[in-house]
């Protein structure tokens, strides 16, 4: 059985933990740095041009956005790290993300996005450590693979797996430009939800 991605529709945005809707379906959460290409990857996964808002300015996702995809909730969390916003706004995002993960929800899969072009950033390491320590099922989507050569993709993926202390099989090399890894990511999502 496959998920009908083309049925995806925006379900709502929430700025505080108290506003989050009760979980009634499987959930796939997307987490990553502000400029990692989260909205672009979501749109590619869903086969839509602009369901998730893409911005040239990192940090535009300031709330938790929910998308109903064939009865499965895709949850787009605010990016962390790079965005040029006030300290209080960054704190609100941190509280929002932390509060989401502390709730009793159906965490079927967390897709942690990491830019393949860079060595592991501290914030990425902390995020993965948090997911591992709390037993969340996750896959690392290495984004922007179209920006590096094929041979570099593989060597960089292996290097990042080593830096994170995870198995290479827990990673999918992706590109929302070229469509690389999208089918594989969909397969992982379906395995965790269906």
N, C-alpha and C. Protein backbone atom coordinates (compact mmCIF):
# COMPACT_ATOMS: atom_id res chain seq x y z
N UNK A 1 0.84 -1.19 0.00
CA UNK A 1 0.00 0.00 0.00
C UNK A 1 0.88 1.26 0.00
N UNK A 2 0.51 2.25 -0.77
CA UNK A 2 1.31 3.47 -0.84
C UNK A 2 0.50 4.67 -0.35
N UNK A 3 1.20 5.67 0.09
CA UNK A 3 0.56 6.92 0.50
C UNK A 3 0.24 7.72 -0.76
N UNK A 4 -0.95 8.30 -0.81
CA UNK A 4 -1.32 9.17 -1.94
C UNK A 4 -0.83 10.58 -1.63
N UNK A 5 0.40 10.88 -2.02
CA UNK A 5 1.03 12.17 -1.68
C UNK A 5 0.30 13.35 -2.32
N UNK A 6 -0.31 13.08 -3.48
CA UNK A 6 -0.96 14.18 -4.20
C UNK A 6 -2.19 14.72 -3.46
N UNK A 7 -2.67 13.97 -2.44
CA UNK A 7 -3.82 14.43 -1.67
C UNK A 7 -3.42 15.42 -0.57
N UNK A 8 -2.13 15.68 -0.43
CA UNK A 8 -1.63 16.52 0.65
C UNK A 8 -2.35 17.87 0.71
N UNK A 9 -2.72 18.25 1.92
CA UNK A 9 -3.31 19.59 2.08
C UNK A 9 -2.83 20.18 3.41
N UNK A 10 -2.73 21.49 3.41
CA UNK A 10 -2.32 22.23 4.60
C UNK A 10 -3.41 22.07 5.65
N UNK A 11 -3.01 21.78 6.88
CA UNK A 11 -3.99 21.51 7.92
C UNK A 11 -4.02 22.59 9.00
N UNK A 12 -2.88 23.26 9.24
CA UNK A 12 -2.88 24.32 10.25
C UNK A 12 -1.48 24.65 10.73
N UNK A 13 -1.35 25.85 11.33
CA UNK A 13 -0.07 26.29 11.90
C UNK A 13 -0.29 26.67 13.35
N UNK A 14 0.66 26.32 14.20
CA UNK A 14 0.49 26.53 15.64
C UNK A 14 1.74 27.16 16.22
N UNK A 15 1.55 28.23 16.99
CA UNK A 15 2.68 28.99 17.51
C UNK A 15 3.04 28.68 18.94
N UNK A 16 2.17 27.94 19.64
CA UNK A 16 2.49 27.54 21.02
C UNK A 16 2.13 26.07 21.21
N UNK A 17 2.76 25.44 22.18
CA UNK A 17 2.53 24.01 22.43
C UNK A 17 1.07 23.76 22.78
N UNK A 18 0.48 24.70 23.53
CA UNK A 18 -0.91 24.53 23.98
C UNK A 18 -1.88 24.45 22.80
N UNK A 19 -1.52 25.10 21.68
CA UNK A 19 -2.41 25.12 20.51
C UNK A 19 -2.35 23.84 19.69
N UNK A 20 -1.32 23.02 19.88
CA UNK A 20 -1.14 21.85 19.01
C UNK A 20 -2.36 20.94 19.05
N UNK A 21 -2.79 20.46 17.89
CA UNK A 21 -3.96 19.57 17.85
C UNK A 21 -3.63 18.21 18.46
N UNK A 22 -4.65 17.56 19.00
CA UNK A 22 -4.45 16.22 19.55
C UNK A 22 -4.05 15.28 18.42
N UNK A 23 -3.09 14.40 18.72
CA UNK A 23 -2.66 13.46 17.68
C UNK A 23 -3.72 12.37 17.48
N UNK A 24 -4.17 12.19 16.25
CA UNK A 24 -5.17 11.16 15.97
C UNK A 24 -4.70 10.25 14.83
N UNK A 25 -3.55 10.59 14.23
CA UNK A 25 -3.06 9.83 13.08
C UNK A 25 -1.56 9.61 13.24
N UNK A 26 -0.97 8.74 12.41
CA UNK A 26 0.50 8.64 12.42
C UNK A 26 1.10 10.00 12.08
N UNK A 27 2.29 10.28 12.63
CA UNK A 27 2.95 11.56 12.35
C UNK A 27 4.38 11.35 11.88
N UNK A 28 4.74 12.13 10.85
CA UNK A 28 6.11 12.17 10.36
C UNK A 28 6.58 13.61 10.56
N UNK A 29 7.63 13.80 11.37
CA UNK A 29 8.10 15.15 11.69
C UNK A 29 9.36 15.46 10.91
N UNK A 30 9.49 16.73 10.51
CA UNK A 30 10.65 17.20 9.75
C UNK A 30 11.37 18.25 10.57
N UNK A 31 12.64 18.00 10.85
CA UNK A 31 13.41 18.90 11.72
C UNK A 31 14.77 19.16 11.08
N UNK A 32 15.27 20.38 11.23
CA UNK A 32 16.59 20.70 10.67
C UNK A 32 16.91 22.18 10.81
N UNK A 33 18.13 22.53 10.46
CA UNK A 33 18.55 23.92 10.53
C UNK A 33 17.71 24.80 9.61
N UNK A 34 17.71 26.09 9.91
CA UNK A 34 16.86 27.04 9.16
C UNK A 34 17.12 27.04 7.67
N UNK A 35 18.35 26.84 7.25
CA UNK A 35 18.65 26.98 5.82
C UNK A 35 18.96 25.65 5.14
N UNK A 36 18.37 24.57 5.66
CA UNK A 36 18.72 23.23 5.17
C UNK A 36 17.86 22.79 3.97
N UNK A 37 16.79 23.54 3.69
CA UNK A 37 15.93 23.18 2.56
C UNK A 37 14.75 22.31 2.92
N UNK A 38 14.21 22.54 4.10
CA UNK A 38 13.09 21.72 4.61
C UNK A 38 11.83 21.88 3.75
N UNK A 39 11.44 23.12 3.49
CA UNK A 39 10.22 23.36 2.70
C UNK A 39 10.36 22.80 1.29
N UNK A 40 11.53 22.97 0.69
CA UNK A 40 11.76 22.45 -0.66
C UNK A 40 11.64 20.93 -0.69
N UNK A 41 12.22 20.27 0.32
CA UNK A 41 12.15 18.80 0.36
C UNK A 41 10.71 18.34 0.59
N UNK A 42 10.01 19.02 1.48
CA UNK A 42 8.60 18.67 1.72
C UNK A 42 7.78 18.80 0.44
N UNK A 43 7.97 19.90 -0.26
CA UNK A 43 7.23 20.10 -1.51
C UNK A 43 7.55 19.01 -2.53
N UNK A 44 8.81 18.62 -2.61
CA UNK A 44 9.22 17.57 -3.56
C UNK A 44 8.59 16.23 -3.16
N UNK A 45 8.62 15.92 -1.87
CA UNK A 45 8.01 14.68 -1.37
C UNK A 45 6.52 14.63 -1.70
N UNK A 46 5.87 15.78 -1.58
CA UNK A 46 4.42 15.85 -1.76
C UNK A 46 4.02 16.10 -3.22
N UNK A 47 5.06 16.26 -4.07
CA UNK A 47 4.77 16.49 -5.48
C UNK A 47 4.05 17.81 -5.72
N UNK A 48 4.34 18.81 -4.89
CA UNK A 48 3.68 20.11 -5.00
C UNK A 48 4.74 21.20 -5.13
N UNK A 49 4.37 22.28 -5.78
CA UNK A 49 5.32 23.37 -5.97
C UNK A 49 5.50 24.22 -4.72
N UNK A 50 4.39 24.55 -4.06
CA UNK A 50 4.51 25.52 -2.97
C UNK A 50 3.53 25.28 -1.84
N UNK A 51 3.32 24.02 -1.48
CA UNK A 51 2.45 23.73 -0.34
C UNK A 51 3.14 24.22 0.94
N UNK A 52 4.41 23.82 1.09
CA UNK A 52 5.21 24.36 2.20
C UNK A 52 5.91 25.59 1.65
N UNK A 53 5.85 26.69 2.37
CA UNK A 53 6.41 27.94 1.85
C UNK A 53 7.93 27.92 1.83
N UNK A 54 8.47 28.17 0.65
CA UNK A 54 9.92 28.23 0.48
C UNK A 54 10.33 29.69 0.50
N UNK A 55 11.39 29.99 1.22
CA UNK A 55 11.84 31.37 1.31
C UNK A 55 13.33 31.45 1.08
N UNK A 56 13.78 32.54 0.48
CA UNK A 56 15.22 32.73 0.32
C UNK A 56 15.82 33.20 1.64
N UNK A 57 14.95 33.57 2.55
CA UNK A 57 15.40 34.04 3.86
C UNK A 57 15.19 32.93 4.88
N UNK A 58 16.27 32.36 5.43
CA UNK A 58 16.12 31.26 6.39
C UNK A 58 15.31 31.70 7.61
N UNK A 59 14.58 30.73 8.17
CA UNK A 59 13.87 31.01 9.41
C UNK A 59 12.47 31.53 9.21
N UNK A 60 11.91 31.30 8.02
CA UNK A 60 10.56 31.78 7.77
C UNK A 60 9.50 30.91 8.44
N UNK A 61 9.82 29.63 8.66
CA UNK A 61 8.86 28.77 9.34
C UNK A 61 8.95 29.06 10.83
N UNK A 62 8.02 29.87 11.33
CA UNK A 62 8.09 30.30 12.73
C UNK A 62 7.12 29.52 13.60
N UNK A 63 6.27 28.72 12.97
CA UNK A 63 5.30 27.91 13.71
C UNK A 63 5.49 26.45 13.33
N UNK A 64 4.73 25.59 13.98
CA UNK A 64 4.70 24.19 13.56
C UNK A 64 3.55 24.06 12.56
N UNK A 65 3.89 23.66 11.35
CA UNK A 65 2.89 23.51 10.29
C UNK A 65 2.52 22.04 10.12
N UNK A 66 1.22 21.78 10.04
CA UNK A 66 0.72 20.43 9.86
C UNK A 66 0.14 20.29 8.45
N UNK A 67 0.49 19.18 7.79
CA UNK A 67 -0.05 18.86 6.47
C UNK A 67 -0.68 17.47 6.54
N UNK A 68 -1.91 17.36 6.12
CA UNK A 68 -2.59 16.07 6.09
C UNK A 68 -2.27 15.40 4.75
N UNK A 69 -1.57 14.28 4.83
CA UNK A 69 -1.17 13.57 3.61
C UNK A 69 -1.80 12.17 3.65
N UNK A 70 -2.98 12.05 3.04
CA UNK A 70 -3.64 10.75 2.96
C UNK A 70 -3.82 10.14 4.36
N UNK A 71 -4.23 10.98 5.32
CA UNK A 71 -4.49 10.48 6.67
C UNK A 71 -3.25 10.38 7.56
N UNK A 72 -2.11 10.83 7.07
CA UNK A 72 -0.88 10.86 7.87
C UNK A 72 -0.49 12.33 8.02
N UNK A 73 -0.14 12.74 9.24
CA UNK A 73 0.25 14.13 9.44
C UNK A 73 1.75 14.30 9.19
N UNK A 74 2.09 15.20 8.27
CA UNK A 74 3.48 15.61 8.07
C UNK A 74 3.63 16.89 8.87
N UNK A 75 4.57 16.91 9.79
CA UNK A 75 4.72 18.01 10.73
C UNK A 75 6.04 18.74 10.45
N UNK A 76 5.92 19.99 10.01
CA UNK A 76 7.08 20.81 9.65
C UNK A 76 7.43 21.70 10.84
N UNK A 77 8.55 21.38 11.48
CA UNK A 77 8.96 22.12 12.68
C UNK A 77 9.82 23.32 12.29
N UNK A 78 9.82 24.39 13.11
CA UNK A 78 10.66 25.55 12.78
C UNK A 78 12.12 25.15 12.69
N UNK A 79 12.84 25.77 11.76
CA UNK A 79 14.27 25.50 11.64
C UNK A 79 15.02 26.06 12.85
N UNK A 80 16.15 25.47 13.14
CA UNK A 80 16.95 25.99 14.26
C UNK A 80 18.29 26.49 13.74
N UNK A 81 18.97 27.29 14.55
CA UNK A 81 20.32 27.70 14.17
C UNK A 81 20.40 29.07 13.54
N UNK A 82 20.53 29.07 12.25
CA UNK A 82 21.03 30.21 11.48
C UNK A 82 20.15 31.47 11.43
N UNK A 83 18.85 31.33 11.53
CA UNK A 83 17.94 32.44 11.22
C UNK A 83 18.23 33.72 11.98
N UNK A 84 18.09 34.85 11.27
CA UNK A 84 18.31 36.17 11.90
C UNK A 84 17.02 36.64 12.56
N UNK A 85 16.77 36.15 13.75
CA UNK A 85 15.59 36.60 14.50
C UNK A 85 16.05 36.92 15.92
N UNK A 86 15.18 37.57 16.67
CA UNK A 86 15.54 37.97 18.03
C UNK A 86 15.78 36.75 18.91
N UNK A 87 16.49 36.96 19.99
CA UNK A 87 16.78 35.88 20.94
C UNK A 87 15.48 35.32 21.52
N UNK A 88 14.52 36.21 21.79
CA UNK A 88 13.26 35.74 22.38
C UNK A 88 12.49 34.87 21.38
N UNK A 89 12.58 35.22 20.08
CA UNK A 89 11.91 34.41 19.05
C UNK A 89 12.60 33.05 18.92
N UNK A 90 13.93 33.04 18.97
CA UNK A 90 14.66 31.76 18.93
C UNK A 90 14.26 30.89 20.11
N UNK A 91 14.11 31.52 21.27
CA UNK A 91 13.72 30.78 22.48
C UNK A 91 12.31 30.20 22.32
N UNK A 92 11.42 30.99 21.71
CA UNK A 92 10.05 30.51 21.49
C UNK A 92 10.08 29.27 20.57
N UNK A 93 10.91 29.32 19.53
CA UNK A 93 11.02 28.17 18.64
C UNK A 93 11.53 26.95 19.39
N UNK A 94 12.57 27.16 20.22
CA UNK A 94 13.15 26.05 20.99
C UNK A 94 12.10 25.44 21.91
N UNK A 95 11.32 26.31 22.57
CA UNK A 95 10.27 25.82 23.48
C UNK A 95 9.20 25.06 22.70
N UNK A 96 8.89 25.57 21.51
CA UNK A 96 7.87 24.97 20.67
C UNK A 96 8.30 23.57 20.20
N UNK A 97 9.53 23.48 19.69
CA UNK A 97 10.05 22.18 19.22
C UNK A 97 10.16 21.20 20.40
N UNK A 98 10.76 21.68 21.50
CA UNK A 98 10.91 20.82 22.69
C UNK A 98 9.56 20.35 23.21
N UNK A 99 8.60 21.29 23.26
CA UNK A 99 7.26 20.97 23.76
C UNK A 99 6.56 19.96 22.88
N UNK A 100 6.76 20.07 21.59
CA UNK A 100 6.16 19.11 20.64
C UNK A 100 6.67 17.71 20.94
N UNK A 101 7.99 17.58 21.11
CA UNK A 101 8.58 16.25 21.33
C UNK A 101 8.29 15.69 22.72
N UNK A 102 7.86 16.56 23.66
CA UNK A 102 7.54 16.07 25.00
C UNK A 102 6.10 15.55 25.09
N UNK A 103 5.31 15.83 24.08
CA UNK A 103 3.91 15.41 24.11
C UNK A 103 3.78 13.92 23.82
N UNK A 104 2.62 13.38 24.22
CA UNK A 104 2.29 12.01 23.87
C UNK A 104 1.74 12.04 22.45
N UNK A 105 2.60 11.75 21.47
CA UNK A 105 2.16 11.81 20.09
C UNK A 105 2.60 10.53 19.39
N UNK A 106 2.10 10.34 18.17
CA UNK A 106 2.47 9.16 17.40
C UNK A 106 3.70 9.50 16.55
N UNK A 107 4.87 9.38 17.16
CA UNK A 107 6.10 9.73 16.43
C UNK A 107 6.53 8.54 15.58
N UNK A 108 5.94 8.41 14.40
CA UNK A 108 6.26 7.26 13.54
C UNK A 108 7.65 7.37 12.95
N UNK A 109 8.01 8.61 12.56
CA UNK A 109 9.33 8.83 11.98
C UNK A 109 9.69 10.30 12.10
N UNK A 110 10.94 10.56 12.47
CA UNK A 110 11.45 11.93 12.44
C UNK A 110 12.48 11.99 11.32
N UNK A 111 12.25 12.88 10.37
CA UNK A 111 13.19 13.09 9.27
C UNK A 111 14.07 14.27 9.68
N UNK A 112 15.34 13.98 9.99
CA UNK A 112 16.28 15.03 10.39
C UNK A 112 17.07 15.44 9.17
N UNK A 113 16.93 16.70 8.77
CA UNK A 113 17.59 17.19 7.55
C UNK A 113 18.95 17.79 7.87
N UNK A 114 19.95 17.38 7.09
CA UNK A 114 21.31 17.86 7.28
C UNK A 114 21.89 18.19 5.90
N UNK A 115 22.52 19.34 5.76
CA UNK A 115 23.13 19.77 4.50
C UNK A 115 24.37 18.90 4.22
N UNK A 116 24.36 18.18 3.11
CA UNK A 116 25.45 17.24 2.80
C UNK A 116 26.78 17.96 2.58
N UNK A 117 26.75 19.26 2.29
CA UNK A 117 27.97 19.98 1.93
C UNK A 117 28.85 20.34 3.13
N UNK A 118 28.31 20.22 4.34
CA UNK A 118 29.06 20.69 5.51
C UNK A 118 29.33 19.56 6.48
N UNK A 119 30.40 19.71 7.26
CA UNK A 119 30.62 18.79 8.37
C UNK A 119 29.50 18.99 9.39
N UNK A 120 29.40 18.05 10.31
CA UNK A 120 28.34 18.10 11.32
C UNK A 120 28.42 19.39 12.13
N UNK A 121 27.29 20.08 12.20
CA UNK A 121 27.17 21.30 13.02
C UNK A 121 26.75 20.88 14.43
N UNK A 122 27.09 21.69 15.40
CA UNK A 122 26.75 21.34 16.78
C UNK A 122 25.24 21.14 16.96
N UNK A 123 24.44 22.03 16.37
CA UNK A 123 22.99 21.92 16.54
C UNK A 123 22.44 20.62 15.94
N UNK A 124 23.04 20.17 14.82
CA UNK A 124 22.61 18.90 14.22
C UNK A 124 22.98 17.73 15.13
N UNK A 125 24.18 17.79 15.67
CA UNK A 125 24.64 16.73 16.57
C UNK A 125 23.72 16.63 17.80
N UNK A 126 23.37 17.81 18.34
CA UNK A 126 22.48 17.84 19.53
C UNK A 126 21.11 17.26 19.19
N UNK A 127 20.60 17.60 18.00
CA UNK A 127 19.29 17.10 17.59
C UNK A 127 19.31 15.58 17.47
N UNK A 128 20.32 15.05 16.80
CA UNK A 128 20.40 13.59 16.65
C UNK A 128 20.59 12.88 17.98
N UNK A 129 21.42 13.48 18.84
CA UNK A 129 21.63 12.88 20.17
C UNK A 129 20.30 12.84 20.93
N UNK A 130 19.52 13.92 20.83
CA UNK A 130 18.22 14.00 21.48
C UNK A 130 17.29 12.90 20.96
N UNK A 131 17.24 12.72 19.64
CA UNK A 131 16.37 11.70 19.04
C UNK A 131 16.79 10.30 19.49
N UNK A 132 18.12 10.07 19.52
CA UNK A 132 18.63 8.75 19.92
C UNK A 132 18.34 8.48 21.40
N UNK A 133 18.66 9.46 22.24
CA UNK A 133 18.46 9.27 23.69
C UNK A 133 17.00 9.00 24.05
N UNK A 134 16.09 9.60 23.28
CA UNK A 134 14.67 9.46 23.59
C UNK A 134 13.98 8.37 22.77
N UNK A 135 14.77 7.64 22.00
CA UNK A 135 14.23 6.49 21.27
C UNK A 135 13.28 6.82 20.13
N UNK A 136 13.42 8.01 19.54
CA UNK A 136 12.57 8.35 18.40
C UNK A 136 13.10 7.66 17.14
N UNK A 137 12.23 7.03 16.36
CA UNK A 137 12.68 6.46 15.09
C UNK A 137 13.02 7.60 14.14
N UNK A 138 14.20 7.57 13.54
CA UNK A 138 14.58 8.68 12.66
C UNK A 138 15.35 8.21 11.45
N UNK A 139 15.36 9.08 10.45
CA UNK A 139 16.21 8.90 9.28
C UNK A 139 16.82 10.27 9.01
N UNK A 140 18.07 10.28 8.59
CA UNK A 140 18.73 11.55 8.25
C UNK A 140 18.63 11.75 6.75
N UNK A 141 18.00 12.86 6.34
CA UNK A 141 17.94 13.21 4.92
C UNK A 141 19.06 14.20 4.65
N UNK A 142 20.05 13.77 3.89
CA UNK A 142 21.16 14.66 3.53
C UNK A 142 20.70 15.49 2.33
N UNK A 143 20.52 16.79 2.52
CA UNK A 143 19.94 17.64 1.49
C UNK A 143 20.99 18.28 0.59
N UNK A 144 20.51 18.84 -0.51
CA UNK A 144 21.33 19.62 -1.45
C UNK A 144 22.43 18.80 -2.13
N UNK A 145 22.11 17.51 -2.37
CA UNK A 145 23.09 16.61 -2.99
C UNK A 145 23.46 17.04 -4.40
N UNK A 146 22.55 17.78 -5.07
CA UNK A 146 22.84 18.23 -6.44
C UNK A 146 23.99 19.24 -6.47
N UNK A 147 24.37 19.77 -5.31
CA UNK A 147 25.44 20.77 -5.24
C UNK A 147 26.84 20.13 -5.15
N UNK A 148 26.88 18.81 -5.01
CA UNK A 148 28.19 18.11 -4.97
C UNK A 148 28.19 16.96 -5.97
N UNK A 149 29.38 16.52 -6.37
CA UNK A 149 29.49 15.43 -7.35
C UNK A 149 29.01 14.11 -6.75
N UNK A 150 28.67 13.16 -7.63
CA UNK A 150 28.22 11.82 -7.18
C UNK A 150 29.20 11.17 -6.22
N UNK A 151 30.49 11.18 -6.60
CA UNK A 151 31.49 10.51 -5.76
C UNK A 151 31.62 11.22 -4.41
N UNK A 152 31.51 12.53 -4.43
CA UNK A 152 31.59 13.31 -3.20
C UNK A 152 30.37 13.04 -2.30
N UNK A 153 29.21 12.81 -2.92
CA UNK A 153 27.99 12.50 -2.14
C UNK A 153 28.23 11.30 -1.24
N UNK A 154 28.78 10.24 -1.83
CA UNK A 154 28.96 8.99 -1.06
C UNK A 154 30.02 9.14 0.03
N UNK A 155 31.15 9.78 -0.32
CA UNK A 155 32.21 9.92 0.68
C UNK A 155 31.75 10.85 1.81
N UNK A 156 31.00 11.89 1.46
CA UNK A 156 30.51 12.83 2.48
C UNK A 156 29.46 12.17 3.37
N UNK A 157 28.58 11.35 2.77
CA UNK A 157 27.57 10.63 3.55
C UNK A 157 28.24 9.71 4.56
N UNK A 158 29.27 9.00 4.13
CA UNK A 158 30.00 8.10 5.04
C UNK A 158 30.69 8.88 6.15
N UNK A 159 31.29 10.01 5.78
CA UNK A 159 31.98 10.85 6.77
C UNK A 159 30.99 11.39 7.80
N UNK A 160 29.82 11.84 7.34
CA UNK A 160 28.81 12.38 8.26
C UNK A 160 28.25 11.28 9.18
N UNK A 161 28.04 10.09 8.62
CA UNK A 161 27.55 8.98 9.43
C UNK A 161 28.54 8.71 10.58
N UNK A 162 29.83 8.73 10.24
CA UNK A 162 30.87 8.52 11.24
C UNK A 162 30.85 9.63 12.30
N UNK A 163 30.73 10.90 11.83
CA UNK A 163 30.70 12.03 12.76
C UNK A 163 29.50 11.97 13.70
N UNK A 164 28.36 11.49 13.18
CA UNK A 164 27.16 11.38 14.00
C UNK A 164 27.17 10.12 14.87
N UNK A 165 28.01 9.17 14.49
CA UNK A 165 28.03 7.90 15.22
C UNK A 165 26.80 7.05 14.90
N UNK A 166 26.33 7.13 13.65
CA UNK A 166 25.20 6.31 13.23
C UNK A 166 25.59 5.50 12.00
N UNK A 167 24.74 4.54 11.67
CA UNK A 167 25.03 3.70 10.52
C UNK A 167 24.67 4.46 9.23
N UNK A 168 25.43 4.21 8.17
CA UNK A 168 25.19 4.86 6.88
C UNK A 168 23.78 4.54 6.37
N UNK A 169 23.25 3.37 6.77
CA UNK A 169 21.92 2.97 6.31
C UNK A 169 20.80 3.83 6.93
N UNK A 170 21.15 4.62 7.93
CA UNK A 170 20.15 5.51 8.55
C UNK A 170 20.07 6.85 7.82
N UNK A 171 20.76 6.93 6.68
CA UNK A 171 20.80 8.18 5.92
C UNK A 171 20.28 7.97 4.51
N UNK A 172 19.65 9.02 3.98
CA UNK A 172 19.22 9.02 2.58
C UNK A 172 19.77 10.31 1.95
N UNK A 173 20.52 10.15 0.86
CA UNK A 173 21.05 11.31 0.14
C UNK A 173 19.91 11.86 -0.73
N UNK A 174 19.58 13.15 -0.55
CA UNK A 174 18.45 13.73 -1.27
C UNK A 174 18.80 15.03 -1.98
N UNK A 175 17.99 15.34 -2.98
CA UNK A 175 18.06 16.65 -3.63
C UNK A 175 16.65 17.01 -4.07
N UNK A 176 16.14 18.12 -3.57
CA UNK A 176 14.80 18.53 -4.00
C UNK A 176 14.86 19.14 -5.40
N UNK A 177 16.04 19.53 -5.84
CA UNK A 177 16.22 20.02 -7.22
C UNK A 177 16.14 18.86 -8.21
N UNK A 178 16.97 17.84 -7.97
CA UNK A 178 17.10 16.73 -8.93
C UNK A 178 16.16 15.56 -8.64
N UNK A 179 15.53 15.57 -7.46
CA UNK A 179 14.63 14.47 -7.11
C UNK A 179 15.36 13.26 -6.53
N UNK A 180 16.67 13.39 -6.31
CA UNK A 180 17.47 12.31 -5.75
C UNK A 180 16.93 11.89 -4.38
N UNK A 181 16.79 10.58 -4.17
CA UNK A 181 16.44 10.05 -2.85
C UNK A 181 14.99 10.21 -2.44
N UNK A 182 14.17 10.84 -3.27
CA UNK A 182 12.77 11.09 -2.88
C UNK A 182 11.99 9.79 -2.75
N UNK A 183 12.16 8.87 -3.72
CA UNK A 183 11.45 7.58 -3.65
C UNK A 183 11.89 6.79 -2.42
N UNK A 184 13.19 6.83 -2.14
CA UNK A 184 13.72 6.10 -0.97
C UNK A 184 13.14 6.69 0.33
N UNK A 185 13.07 8.01 0.40
CA UNK A 185 12.52 8.66 1.58
C UNK A 185 11.04 8.32 1.74
N UNK A 186 10.31 8.31 0.63
CA UNK A 186 8.90 7.92 0.67
C UNK A 186 8.75 6.49 1.18
N UNK A 187 9.64 5.61 0.72
CA UNK A 187 9.60 4.20 1.15
C UNK A 187 9.80 4.11 2.67
N UNK A 188 10.76 4.87 3.21
CA UNK A 188 11.02 4.84 4.65
C UNK A 188 9.80 5.37 5.43
N UNK A 189 9.18 6.41 4.89
CA UNK A 189 7.99 6.99 5.54
C UNK A 189 6.86 5.97 5.55
N UNK A 190 6.66 5.30 4.41
CA UNK A 190 5.59 4.32 4.31
C UNK A 190 5.82 3.13 5.22
N UNK A 191 7.06 2.69 5.31
CA UNK A 191 7.39 1.56 6.21
C UNK A 191 7.07 1.93 7.66
N UNK A 192 7.27 3.18 8.01
CA UNK A 192 7.07 3.56 9.42
C UNK A 192 5.62 3.89 9.74
N UNK A 193 4.81 4.14 8.72
CA UNK A 193 3.42 4.60 8.96
C UNK A 193 2.34 3.60 8.59
N UNK A 194 2.61 2.74 7.61
CA UNK A 194 1.53 1.87 7.10
C UNK A 194 1.59 0.48 7.71
